[in-house]
Amino acid sequence: MTPIRINDWEDSCWLGPNDFLNGLTLAVEVMLDGYHVVNLVSDNPAGRWSLDEAREVLGFVPSERYEPRGRRGRVSRLMCRLGWSLRQS
C-alpha cells in the first residue's frame, strides 16, 4: 500500500499495515503490569511522535518507510478517498 501525500499532519501520523500488525502483536504478547499508552507510527520523514516508549515497553521498531507519491489536488484527494471507502464496503 503506497500512501498518498495529503498534508503534513496526516503524513506524520502514517502507520503502515505491517507496522500496525507488528505493534499489535507486540502489545498482546508483552508481559506488563498495569497499562501503557504508546505511539505507533511508521518511519515518517516528518515524524512528530516519539517512539521512545513504544521501543522501551514493546520493543517496537518501525519497518515501513513513508514514501508518498506526491501531493494531489482537492478533487483528486476526494475522488481517491471516495474510491477507497467504496472498495472497503
C-alpha atoms as a PDB file:
ATOM      1  CA  MET A   1       0.000   0.000   0.000  1.00  0.00           C
ATOM      2  CA  THR A   2       1.545   3.285  -1.098  1.00  0.00           C
ATOM      3  CA  PRO A   3       0.452   6.344   0.884  1.00  0.00           C
ATOM      4  CA  ILE A   4      -0.711   9.466  -0.920  1.00  0.00           C
ATOM      5  CA  ARG A   5       0.697  12.780   0.243  1.00  0.00           C
ATOM      6  CA  ILE A   6      -2.180  14.716   1.773  1.00  0.00           C
ATOM      7  CA  ASN A   7      -0.785  17.169   4.325  1.00  0.00           C
ATOM      8  CA  ASP A   8       1.967  17.428   6.940  1.00  0.00           C
ATOM      9  CA  TRP A   9      -0.273  16.336   9.802  1.00  0.00           C
ATOM     10  CA  GLU A  10      -1.520  13.158   8.128  1.00  0.00           C
ATOM     11  CA  ASP A  11       1.958  12.426   6.772  1.00  0.00           C
ATOM     12  CA  SER A  12       3.384  12.459  10.309  1.00  0.00           C
ATOM     13  CA  CYS A  13       0.705  10.023  11.534  1.00  0.00           C
ATOM     14  CA  TRP A  14       1.018   7.379   8.816  1.00  0.00           C
ATOM     15  CA  LEU A  15       1.119   3.807  10.121  1.00  0.00           C
ATOM     16  CA  GLY A  16       1.713   1.091   7.553  1.00  0.00           C
ATOM     17  CA  PRO A  17      -0.203  -2.187   7.766  1.00  0.00           C
ATOM     18  CA  ASN A  18       2.867  -4.285   8.660  1.00  0.00           C
ATOM     19  CA  ASP A  19       3.898  -1.860  11.415  1.00  0.00           C
ATOM     20  CA  PHE A  20       0.333  -1.909  12.743  1.00  0.00           C
ATOM     21  CA  LEU A  21       0.253  -5.707  12.915  1.00  0.00           C
ATOM     22  CA  ASN A  22       3.736  -5.843  14.452  1.00  0.00           C
ATOM     23  CA  GLY A  23       2.809  -3.269  17.119  1.00  0.00           C
ATOM     24  CA  LEU A  24      -0.453  -5.031  17.909  1.00  0.00           C
ATOM     25  CA  THR A  25       1.272  -8.405  18.187  1.00  0.00           C
ATOM     26  CA  LEU A  26       3.934  -6.980  20.500  1.00  0.00           C
ATOM     27  CA  ALA A  27       1.278  -5.308  22.664  1.00  0.00           C
ATOM     28  CA  VAL A  28      -0.657  -8.551  23.074  1.00  0.00           C
ATOM     29  CA  GLU A  29       2.388 -10.710  23.789  1.00  0.00           C
ATOM     30  CA  VAL A  30       4.383  -8.455  26.142  1.00  0.00           C
ATOM     31  CA  MET A  31       4.180  -9.208  29.858  1.00  0.00           C
ATOM     32  CA  LEU A  32       3.486  -5.957  31.742  1.00  0.00           C
ATOM     33  CA  ASP A  33       1.982  -4.811  34.984  1.00  0.00           C
ATOM     34  CA  GLY A  34      -0.616  -2.097  34.526  1.00  0.00           C
ATOM     35  CA  TYR A  35      -1.117  -0.359  31.230  1.00  0.00           C
ATOM     36  CA  HIS A  36       0.787   1.936  28.877  1.00  0.00           C
ATOM     37  CA  VAL A  37      -0.251   4.286  26.118  1.00  0.00           C
ATOM     38  CA  VAL A  38       2.348   4.382  23.347  1.00  0.00           C
ATOM     39  CA  ASN A  39       2.617   5.907  19.877  1.00  0.00           C
ATOM     40  CA  LEU A  40       2.754   3.593  16.877  1.00  0.00           C
ATOM     41  CA  VAL A  41       3.718   5.211  13.593  1.00  0.00           C
ATOM     42  CA  SER A  42       5.868   4.107  10.695  1.00  0.00           C
ATOM     43  CA  ASP A  43       9.183   5.708   9.765  1.00  0.00           C
ATOM     44  CA  ASN A  44       7.839   9.093   8.639  1.00  0.00           C
ATOM     45  CA  PRO A  45      10.080  11.924   7.383  1.00  0.00           C
ATOM     46  CA  ALA A  46       8.005  14.495   9.271  1.00  0.00           C
ATOM     47  CA  GLY A  47       7.853  12.403  12.433  1.00  0.00           C
ATOM     48  CA  ARG A  48       6.215  14.391  15.235  1.00  0.00           C
ATOM     49  CA  TRP A  49       5.643  11.449  17.522  1.00  0.00           C
ATOM     50  CA  SER A  50       8.218   9.946  19.838  1.00  0.00           C
ATOM     51  CA  LEU A  51       8.552   6.184  19.624  1.00  0.00           C
ATOM     52  CA  ASP A  52      10.829   6.010  22.670  1.00  0.00           C
ATOM     53  CA  GLU A  53       8.201   4.493  24.969  1.00  0.00           C
ATOM     54  CA  ALA A  54       6.995   2.058  22.283  1.00  0.00           C
ATOM     55  CA  ARG A  55      10.594   0.893  21.824  1.00  0.00           C
ATOM     56  CA  GLU A  56      11.182   0.617  25.573  1.00  0.00           C
ATOM     57  CA  VAL A  57       7.885  -1.017  26.567  1.00  0.00           C
ATOM     58  CA  LEU A  58       7.069  -3.129  23.499  1.00  0.00           C
ATOM     59  CA  GLY A  59      10.331  -3.374  21.600  1.00  0.00           C
ATOM     60  CA  PHE A  60       8.564  -1.731  18.627  1.00  0.00           C
ATOM     61  CA  VAL A  61      10.779  -0.567  15.760  1.00  0.00           C
ATOM     62  CA  PRO A  62       9.004   0.555  12.565  1.00  0.00           C
ATOM     63  CA  SER A  63       9.895  -1.447   9.473  1.00  0.00           C
ATOM     64  CA  GLU A  64       7.947   0.534   6.873  1.00  0.00           C
ATOM     65  CA  ARG A  65       9.153   3.799   5.383  1.00  0.00           C
ATOM     66  CA  TYR A  66       6.729   6.540   4.420  1.00  0.00           C
ATOM     67  CA  GLU A  67       7.230   7.372   0.750  1.00  0.00           C
ATOM     68  CA  PRO A  68       4.297   9.429  -0.564  1.00  0.00           C
ATOM     69  CA  ARG A  69       3.514   9.608  -4.280  1.00  0.00           C
ATOM     70  CA  GLY A  70       3.104  13.375  -4.335  1.00  0.00           C
ATOM     71  CA  ARG A  71       0.550  15.967  -3.361  1.00  0.00           C
ATOM     72  CA  ARG A  72      -2.822  15.774  -5.055  1.00  0.00           C
ATOM     73  CA  GLY A  73      -5.389  18.461  -5.570  1.00  0.00           C
ATOM     74  CA  ARG A  74      -8.578  18.660  -3.525  1.00  0.00           C
ATOM     75  CA  VAL A  75     -10.745  16.961  -6.158  1.00  0.00           C
ATOM     76  CA  SER A  76      -8.228  14.146  -6.686  1.00  0.00           C
ATOM     77  CA  ARG A  77      -7.971  13.580  -2.932  1.00  0.00           C
ATOM     78  CA  LEU A  78     -11.746  13.448  -2.600  1.00  0.00           C
ATOM     79  CA  MET A  79     -12.060  11.021  -5.508  1.00  0.00           C
ATOM     80  CA  CYS A  80      -9.305   8.848  -4.049  1.00  0.00           C
ATOM     81  CA  ARG A  81     -10.952   8.771  -0.617  1.00  0.00           C
ATOM     82  CA  LEU A  82     -14.375   8.001  -2.080  1.00  0.00           C
ATOM     83  CA  GLY A  83     -12.936   5.224  -4.231  1.00  0.00           C
ATOM     84  CA  TRP A  84     -11.064   3.776  -1.267  1.00  0.00           C
ATOM     85  CA  SER A  85     -14.111   3.846   1.000  1.00  0.00           C
ATOM     86  CA  LEU A  86     -16.292   2.246  -1.690  1.00  0.00           C
ATOM     87  CA  ARG A  87     -13.768  -0.578  -2.158  1.00  0.00           C
ATOM     88  CA  GLN A  88     -13.801  -1.215   1.605  1.00  0.00           C
ATOM     89  CA  SER A  89     -17.599  -1.699   1.667  1.00  0.00           C
END
